[in-house]
Amino acid sequence: MVRSGHGGFRNFKGSTVIENMANYSAEEIAHLKKAIDKKLARLREDVVELREQCKPISPDNAIGRISRMDAINNRSVNEATLRQSENQLKLLEKAITEIDSKDFGLCRKCERVIPYGRLVAMPESDMCIACASK
């Protein structure tokens, strides 16, 4: 990237990428930090609970055959939810560490600014809607 005359950077495609402080106001960044912290706290609690629910079902448990099948099915659903939650947790932790960088909020594909509303809804987003839907 090369510094352009507009206070931003010009990417290899020739479009101007604006530095982070021009992308979002200090108030918006503070709001995003608070939202990310809140989501992180909730997800950490969820992950602990899901790990507990994913523990193996003891064969000596005195439950019926149908109940055991239900428990196994529920466990596999919980394992999928756990993987999804752990992945989102990693993405949110990455977002909170990068929120003050000049690249935060820039789409990793097209390098345009991700709309603030998208980051409010999904602060872990690293792509704009157009690139994410391709």
N, C-alpha and C. Protein backbone atom coordinates (compact mmCIF):
# COMPACT_ATOMS: atom_id res chain seq x y z
N MET A 1 0.84 -1.17 0.00
CA MET A 1 0.00 0.00 0.00
C MET A 1 0.88 1.23 0.00
N VAL A 2 0.40 2.25 -0.64
CA VAL A 2 1.13 3.50 -0.76
C VAL A 2 0.28 4.61 -0.19
N ARG A 3 0.90 5.54 0.53
CA ARG A 3 0.15 6.67 1.09
C ARG A 3 -0.36 7.52 -0.06
N SER A 4 -1.67 7.86 0.01
CA SER A 4 -2.27 8.72 -1.01
C SER A 4 -2.33 10.13 -0.47
N GLY A 5 -2.74 11.06 -1.28
CA GLY A 5 -2.85 12.46 -0.86
C GLY A 5 -4.10 12.74 -0.08
N HIS A 6 -4.92 11.75 0.21
CA HIS A 6 -6.21 11.96 0.88
C HIS A 6 -6.17 11.58 2.36
N GLY A 7 -5.01 11.35 2.92
CA GLY A 7 -4.92 10.97 4.33
C GLY A 7 -5.12 9.48 4.55
N GLY A 8 -5.19 8.72 3.48
CA GLY A 8 -5.37 7.28 3.60
C GLY A 8 -4.26 6.56 2.88
N PHE A 9 -4.52 5.36 2.47
CA PHE A 9 -3.54 4.58 1.74
C PHE A 9 -4.18 4.13 0.43
N ARG A 10 -3.37 3.96 -0.58
CA ARG A 10 -3.86 3.45 -1.84
C ARG A 10 -3.43 1.99 -1.91
N ASN A 11 -4.41 1.13 -2.15
CA ASN A 11 -4.06 -0.29 -2.23
C ASN A 11 -3.60 -0.62 -3.64
N PHE A 12 -3.23 -1.88 -3.87
CA PHE A 12 -2.70 -2.27 -5.16
C PHE A 12 -3.73 -2.14 -6.28
N LYS A 13 -5.01 -2.06 -5.95
CA LYS A 13 -6.04 -1.93 -6.96
C LYS A 13 -6.28 -0.46 -7.32
N GLY A 14 -5.63 0.45 -6.61
CA GLY A 14 -5.75 1.86 -6.92
C GLY A 14 -6.82 2.60 -6.14
N SER A 15 -7.66 1.90 -5.39
CA SER A 15 -8.68 2.60 -4.61
C SER A 15 -8.07 3.06 -3.30
N THR A 16 -8.65 4.09 -2.71
CA THR A 16 -8.10 4.64 -1.48
C THR A 16 -8.68 3.93 -0.27
N VAL A 17 -7.81 3.55 0.64
CA VAL A 17 -8.21 2.94 1.90
C VAL A 17 -7.90 3.95 2.99
N ILE A 18 -8.88 4.29 3.79
CA ILE A 18 -8.73 5.33 4.79
C ILE A 18 -8.24 4.73 6.09
N GLU A 19 -7.42 5.46 6.83
CA GLU A 19 -6.92 4.97 8.11
C GLU A 19 -8.07 4.79 9.09
N ASN A 20 -7.90 3.91 10.08
CA ASN A 20 -8.96 3.52 11.00
C ASN A 20 -9.62 4.69 11.70
N MET A 21 -8.86 5.63 12.18
CA MET A 21 -9.46 6.73 12.92
C MET A 21 -10.43 7.52 12.04
N ALA A 22 -10.23 7.51 10.74
CA ALA A 22 -11.17 8.17 9.84
C ALA A 22 -12.33 7.23 9.50
N ASN A 23 -12.13 5.92 9.66
CA ASN A 23 -13.18 4.95 9.35
C ASN A 23 -14.32 5.02 10.35
N TYR A 24 -13.98 5.07 11.62
CA TYR A 24 -14.97 5.03 12.69
C TYR A 24 -14.60 6.08 13.73
N SER A 25 -15.61 6.66 14.34
CA SER A 25 -15.35 7.65 15.39
C SER A 25 -14.87 6.94 16.65
N ALA A 26 -14.29 7.71 17.56
CA ALA A 26 -13.84 7.14 18.84
C ALA A 26 -15.02 6.55 19.60
N GLU A 27 -16.18 7.18 19.48
CA GLU A 27 -17.40 6.67 20.13
C GLU A 27 -17.82 5.33 19.55
N GLU A 28 -17.73 5.21 18.22
CA GLU A 28 -18.09 3.94 17.57
C GLU A 28 -17.12 2.83 17.97
N ILE A 29 -15.83 3.15 18.03
CA ILE A 29 -14.83 2.15 18.44
C ILE A 29 -15.10 1.71 19.88
N ALA A 30 -15.40 2.67 20.76
CA ALA A 30 -15.70 2.35 22.17
C ALA A 30 -16.93 1.46 22.26
N HIS A 31 -17.95 1.77 21.44
CA HIS A 31 -19.18 0.96 21.42
C HIS A 31 -18.87 -0.46 20.95
N LEU A 32 -18.05 -0.59 19.91
CA LEU A 32 -17.67 -1.91 19.40
C LEU A 32 -16.89 -2.70 20.44
N LYS A 33 -15.95 -2.03 21.14
CA LYS A 33 -15.18 -2.71 22.19
C LYS A 33 -16.10 -3.27 23.27
N LYS A 34 -17.06 -2.44 23.67
CA LYS A 34 -18.00 -2.86 24.71
C LYS A 34 -18.84 -4.05 24.23
N ALA A 35 -19.31 -3.98 22.98
CA ALA A 35 -20.12 -5.07 22.41
C ALA A 35 -19.30 -6.36 22.31
N ILE A 36 -18.04 -6.24 21.89
CA ILE A 36 -17.18 -7.42 21.77
C ILE A 36 -16.93 -8.03 23.15
N ASP A 37 -16.62 -7.18 24.14
CA ASP A 37 -16.39 -7.68 25.50
C ASP A 37 -17.61 -8.42 26.03
N LYS A 38 -18.79 -7.87 25.76
CA LYS A 38 -20.04 -8.50 26.21
C LYS A 38 -20.23 -9.87 25.54
N LYS A 39 -19.99 -9.92 24.22
CA LYS A 39 -20.13 -11.18 23.49
C LYS A 39 -19.09 -12.20 23.96
N LEU A 40 -17.87 -11.73 24.21
CA LEU A 40 -16.82 -12.63 24.69
C LEU A 40 -17.20 -13.26 26.02
N ALA A 41 -17.71 -12.46 26.94
CA ALA A 41 -18.10 -12.98 28.26
C ALA A 41 -19.20 -14.03 28.12
N ARG A 42 -20.21 -13.74 27.29
CA ARG A 42 -21.31 -14.68 27.09
C ARG A 42 -20.82 -15.97 26.44
N LEU A 43 -19.97 -15.83 25.42
CA LEU A 43 -19.46 -17.01 24.72
C LEU A 43 -18.59 -17.88 25.61
N ARG A 44 -17.78 -17.25 26.45
CA ARG A 44 -16.93 -18.03 27.37
C ARG A 44 -17.78 -18.87 28.31
N GLU A 45 -18.87 -18.28 28.79
CA GLU A 45 -19.79 -19.04 29.65
C GLU A 45 -20.44 -20.18 28.87
N ASP A 46 -20.87 -19.88 27.64
CA ASP A 46 -21.50 -20.91 26.80
C ASP A 46 -20.55 -22.07 26.53
N VAL A 47 -19.28 -21.75 26.25
CA VAL A 47 -18.30 -22.78 25.94
C VAL A 47 -18.09 -23.70 27.14
N VAL A 48 -18.00 -23.13 28.33
CA VAL A 48 -17.85 -23.95 29.55
C VAL A 48 -19.04 -24.89 29.70
N GLU A 49 -20.24 -24.35 29.52
CA GLU A 49 -21.46 -25.16 29.65
C GLU A 49 -21.52 -26.24 28.57
N LEU A 50 -21.17 -25.89 27.34
CA LEU A 50 -21.20 -26.87 26.25
C LEU A 50 -20.17 -27.97 26.45
N ARG A 51 -19.00 -27.62 26.96
CA ARG A 51 -17.98 -28.66 27.23
C ARG A 51 -18.50 -29.66 28.25
N GLU A 52 -19.22 -29.16 29.23
CA GLU A 52 -19.82 -30.03 30.25
C GLU A 52 -20.85 -30.97 29.60
N GLN A 53 -21.64 -30.43 28.68
CA GLN A 53 -22.69 -31.21 28.02
C GLN A 53 -22.12 -32.20 27.00
N CYS A 54 -20.88 -32.00 26.60
CA CYS A 54 -20.26 -32.88 25.60
C CYS A 54 -19.46 -34.03 26.20
N LYS A 55 -19.46 -34.12 27.50
CA LYS A 55 -18.73 -35.22 28.15
C LYS A 55 -19.34 -36.55 27.73
N PRO A 56 -18.52 -37.58 27.62
CA PRO A 56 -19.03 -38.90 27.21
C PRO A 56 -20.11 -39.42 28.16
N ILE A 57 -21.03 -40.16 27.57
CA ILE A 57 -22.12 -40.75 28.35
C ILE A 57 -21.63 -42.11 28.85
N SER A 58 -21.63 -42.25 30.13
CA SER A 58 -21.14 -43.47 30.76
C SER A 58 -22.05 -44.65 30.41
N PRO A 59 -21.48 -45.78 29.96
CA PRO A 59 -22.31 -46.94 29.62
C PRO A 59 -22.99 -47.56 30.83
N ASP A 60 -22.48 -47.31 32.01
CA ASP A 60 -23.11 -47.88 33.20
C ASP A 60 -24.25 -47.00 33.72
N ASN A 61 -24.52 -45.90 33.02
CA ASN A 61 -25.66 -45.05 33.38
C ASN A 61 -26.95 -45.83 33.21
N ALA A 62 -27.79 -45.81 34.18
CA ALA A 62 -29.03 -46.59 34.14
C ALA A 62 -30.13 -45.81 33.41
N ILE A 63 -29.92 -45.61 32.10
CA ILE A 63 -30.97 -44.98 31.30
C ILE A 63 -31.38 -45.95 30.21
N GLY A 64 -32.57 -45.80 29.73
CA GLY A 64 -33.08 -46.70 28.70
C GLY A 64 -32.38 -46.51 27.37
N ARG A 65 -32.64 -47.45 26.46
CA ARG A 65 -32.01 -47.44 25.14
C ARG A 65 -32.38 -46.17 24.36
N ILE A 66 -33.66 -45.81 24.35
CA ILE A 66 -34.13 -44.62 23.64
C ILE A 66 -33.53 -43.36 24.26
N SER A 67 -33.53 -43.31 25.58
CA SER A 67 -32.95 -42.15 26.28
C SER A 67 -31.46 -42.02 25.97
N ARG A 68 -30.77 -43.16 25.89
CA ARG A 68 -29.34 -43.13 25.56
C ARG A 68 -29.14 -42.60 24.14
N MET A 69 -29.99 -43.03 23.20
CA MET A 69 -29.89 -42.55 21.82
C MET A 69 -30.16 -41.04 21.76
N ASP A 70 -31.14 -40.57 22.51
CA ASP A 70 -31.41 -39.13 22.59
C ASP A 70 -30.21 -38.38 23.15
N ALA A 71 -29.63 -38.93 24.19
CA ALA A 71 -28.47 -38.30 24.83
C ALA A 71 -27.29 -38.22 23.86
N ILE A 72 -27.08 -39.28 23.09
CA ILE A 72 -25.99 -39.30 22.10
C ILE A 72 -26.26 -38.27 21.01
N ASN A 73 -27.51 -38.20 20.55
CA ASN A 73 -27.87 -37.21 19.54
C ASN A 73 -27.68 -35.79 20.07
N ASN A 74 -28.16 -35.54 21.28
CA ASN A 74 -27.99 -34.22 21.89
C ASN A 74 -26.51 -33.87 22.04
N ARG A 75 -25.72 -34.85 22.39
CA ARG A 75 -24.28 -34.62 22.55
C ARG A 75 -23.65 -34.21 21.23
N SER A 76 -24.05 -34.85 20.13
CA SER A 76 -23.46 -34.50 18.83
C SER A 76 -23.89 -33.09 18.40
N VAL A 77 -25.12 -32.71 18.71
CA VAL A 77 -25.58 -31.34 18.43
C VAL A 77 -24.77 -30.36 19.28
N ASN A 78 -24.57 -30.68 20.54
CA ASN A 78 -23.80 -29.82 21.44
C ASN A 78 -22.34 -29.70 21.00
N GLU A 79 -21.77 -30.79 20.47
CA GLU A 79 -20.39 -30.75 19.98
C GLU A 79 -20.27 -29.81 18.79
N ALA A 80 -21.25 -29.85 17.89
CA ALA A 80 -21.23 -28.94 16.73
C ALA A 80 -21.37 -27.49 17.19
N THR A 81 -22.26 -27.25 18.14
CA THR A 81 -22.44 -25.91 18.69
C THR A 81 -21.18 -25.45 19.41
N LEU A 82 -20.52 -26.35 20.10
CA LEU A 82 -19.27 -26.03 20.80
C LEU A 82 -18.19 -25.60 19.80
N ARG A 83 -18.03 -26.36 18.72
CA ARG A 83 -17.03 -26.00 17.70
C ARG A 83 -17.32 -24.62 17.13
N GLN A 84 -18.59 -24.36 16.83
CA GLN A 84 -19.00 -23.06 16.29
C GLN A 84 -18.72 -21.94 17.30
N SER A 85 -19.04 -22.17 18.55
CA SER A 85 -18.82 -21.17 19.60
C SER A 85 -17.33 -20.90 19.82
N GLU A 86 -16.53 -21.96 19.81
CA GLU A 86 -15.08 -21.79 19.98
C GLU A 86 -14.48 -21.01 18.81
N ASN A 87 -14.98 -21.26 17.61
CA ASN A 87 -14.50 -20.53 16.44
C ASN A 87 -14.87 -19.04 16.55
N GLN A 88 -16.11 -18.76 16.93
CA GLN A 88 -16.53 -17.37 17.08
C GLN A 88 -15.74 -16.69 18.19
N LEU A 89 -15.45 -17.41 19.25
CA LEU A 89 -14.65 -16.89 20.36
C LEU A 89 -13.27 -16.45 19.87
N LYS A 90 -12.63 -17.30 19.06
CA LYS A 90 -11.31 -16.96 18.50
C LYS A 90 -11.39 -15.71 17.62
N LEU A 91 -12.43 -15.64 16.79
CA LEU A 91 -12.59 -14.48 15.91
C LEU A 91 -12.82 -13.20 16.70
N LEU A 92 -13.62 -13.28 17.76
CA LEU A 92 -13.87 -12.10 18.59
C LEU A 92 -12.61 -11.68 19.35
N GLU A 93 -11.85 -12.66 19.83
CA GLU A 93 -10.59 -12.33 20.52
C GLU A 93 -9.62 -11.66 19.56
N LYS A 94 -9.61 -12.11 18.32
CA LYS A 94 -8.77 -11.48 17.29
C LYS A 94 -9.25 -10.06 17.04
N ALA A 95 -10.56 -9.87 16.94
CA ALA A 95 -11.12 -8.54 16.68
C ALA A 95 -10.77 -7.57 17.80
N ILE A 96 -10.88 -8.00 19.04
CA ILE A 96 -10.61 -7.09 20.17
C ILE A 96 -9.13 -6.71 20.21
N THR A 97 -8.24 -7.60 19.79
CA THR A 97 -6.81 -7.26 19.78
C THR A 97 -6.46 -6.34 18.61
N GLU A 98 -7.25 -6.40 17.54
CA GLU A 98 -6.95 -5.60 16.34
C GLU A 98 -7.78 -4.33 16.22
N ILE A 99 -8.69 -4.09 17.16
CA ILE A 99 -9.63 -2.99 17.01
C ILE A 99 -8.97 -1.61 16.92
N ASP A 100 -7.81 -1.45 17.52
CA ASP A 100 -7.12 -0.16 17.47
C ASP A 100 -6.15 -0.05 16.30
N SER A 101 -6.02 -1.10 15.51
CA SER A 101 -5.11 -1.04 14.37
C SER A 101 -5.76 -0.31 13.20
N LYS A 102 -4.94 0.22 12.33
CA LYS A 102 -5.46 0.96 11.18
C LYS A 102 -6.18 0.05 10.19
N ASP A 103 -5.94 -1.24 10.27
CA ASP A 103 -6.58 -2.18 9.35
C ASP A 103 -7.91 -2.71 9.86
N PHE A 104 -8.25 -2.42 11.12
CA PHE A 104 -9.52 -2.92 11.65
C PHE A 104 -10.67 -2.31 10.86
N GLY A 105 -11.61 -3.15 10.48
CA GLY A 105 -12.78 -2.68 9.76
C GLY A 105 -12.59 -2.60 8.26
N LEU A 106 -11.45 -3.07 7.78
CA LEU A 106 -11.23 -3.11 6.34
C LEU A 106 -11.46 -4.53 5.86
N CYS A 107 -12.20 -4.65 4.77
CA CYS A 107 -12.48 -5.96 4.19
C CYS A 107 -11.16 -6.60 3.75
N ARG A 108 -10.95 -7.84 4.13
CA ARG A 108 -9.69 -8.51 3.79
C ARG A 108 -9.60 -8.86 2.31
N LYS A 109 -10.72 -8.81 1.58
CA LYS A 109 -10.68 -9.11 0.15
C LYS A 109 -10.56 -7.84 -0.70
N CYS A 110 -11.51 -6.91 -0.53
CA CYS A 110 -11.53 -5.73 -1.38
C CYS A 110 -10.87 -4.51 -0.73
N GLU A 111 -10.56 -4.59 0.55
CA GLU A 111 -9.90 -3.55 1.33
C GLU A 111 -10.73 -2.27 1.48
N ARG A 112 -12.03 -2.38 1.28
CA ARG A 112 -12.92 -1.25 1.53
C ARG A 112 -13.36 -1.31 2.99
N VAL A 113 -13.86 -0.18 3.47
CA VAL A 113 -14.32 -0.10 4.86
C VAL A 113 -15.59 -0.93 5.03
N ILE A 114 -15.60 -1.78 6.04
CA ILE A 114 -16.80 -2.56 6.38
C ILE A 114 -17.77 -1.60 7.07
N PRO A 115 -19.02 -1.55 6.63
CA PRO A 115 -19.99 -0.64 7.26
C PRO A 115 -20.09 -0.88 8.77
N TYR A 116 -20.20 0.21 9.50
CA TYR A 116 -20.26 0.15 10.96
C TYR A 116 -21.40 -0.75 11.43
N GLY A 117 -22.55 -0.68 10.78
CA GLY A 117 -23.71 -1.50 11.15
C GLY A 117 -23.40 -2.99 11.09
N ARG A 118 -22.62 -3.40 10.11
CA ARG A 118 -22.24 -4.82 10.01
C ARG A 118 -21.35 -5.21 11.19
N LEU A 119 -20.43 -4.32 11.56
CA LEU A 119 -19.55 -4.62 12.70
C LEU A 119 -20.31 -4.64 14.02
N VAL A 120 -21.36 -3.83 14.12
CA VAL A 120 -22.18 -3.85 15.34
C VAL A 120 -22.86 -5.22 15.44
N ALA A 121 -23.40 -5.69 14.32
CA ALA A 121 -24.10 -6.98 14.31
C ALA A 121 -23.12 -8.15 14.44
N MET A 122 -21.99 -8.06 13.75
CA MET A 122 -20.99 -9.14 13.74
C MET A 122 -19.60 -8.53 13.87
N PRO A 123 -19.19 -8.19 15.09
CA PRO A 123 -17.89 -7.53 15.25
C PRO A 123 -16.70 -8.37 14.80
N GLU A 124 -16.90 -9.66 14.64
CA GLU A 124 -15.82 -10.53 14.19
C GLU A 124 -15.66 -10.52 12.67
N SER A 125 -16.52 -9.78 11.97
CA SER A 125 -16.48 -9.74 10.51
C SER A 125 -15.16 -9.17 10.00
N ASP A 126 -14.57 -9.85 9.03
CA ASP A 126 -13.38 -9.31 8.39
C ASP A 126 -13.60 -9.13 6.89
N MET A 127 -14.88 -9.27 6.48
CA MET A 127 -15.24 -9.03 5.08
C MET A 127 -16.52 -8.21 5.02
N CYS A 128 -16.62 -7.38 3.99
CA CYS A 128 -17.85 -6.65 3.77
C CYS A 128 -18.92 -7.63 3.28
N ILE A 129 -20.15 -7.18 3.25
CA ILE A 129 -21.25 -8.07 2.85
C ILE A 129 -21.08 -8.56 1.42
N ALA A 130 -20.65 -7.66 0.52
CA ALA A 130 -20.50 -8.04 -0.89
C ALA A 130 -19.48 -9.17 -1.05
N CYS A 131 -18.34 -9.05 -0.40
CA CYS A 131 -17.30 -10.09 -0.51
C CYS A 131 -17.69 -11.37 0.23
N ALA A 132 -18.36 -11.23 1.37
CA ALA A 132 -18.76 -12.41 2.15
C ALA A 132 -19.82 -13.22 1.42
N SER A 133 -20.62 -12.57 0.59
CA SER A 133 -21.70 -13.29 -0.09
C SER A 133 -21.26 -13.88 -1.43
N LYS A 134 -20.02 -13.67 -1.81
CA LYS A 134 -19.53 -14.24 -3.07
C LYS A 134 -19.17 -15.69 -2.90
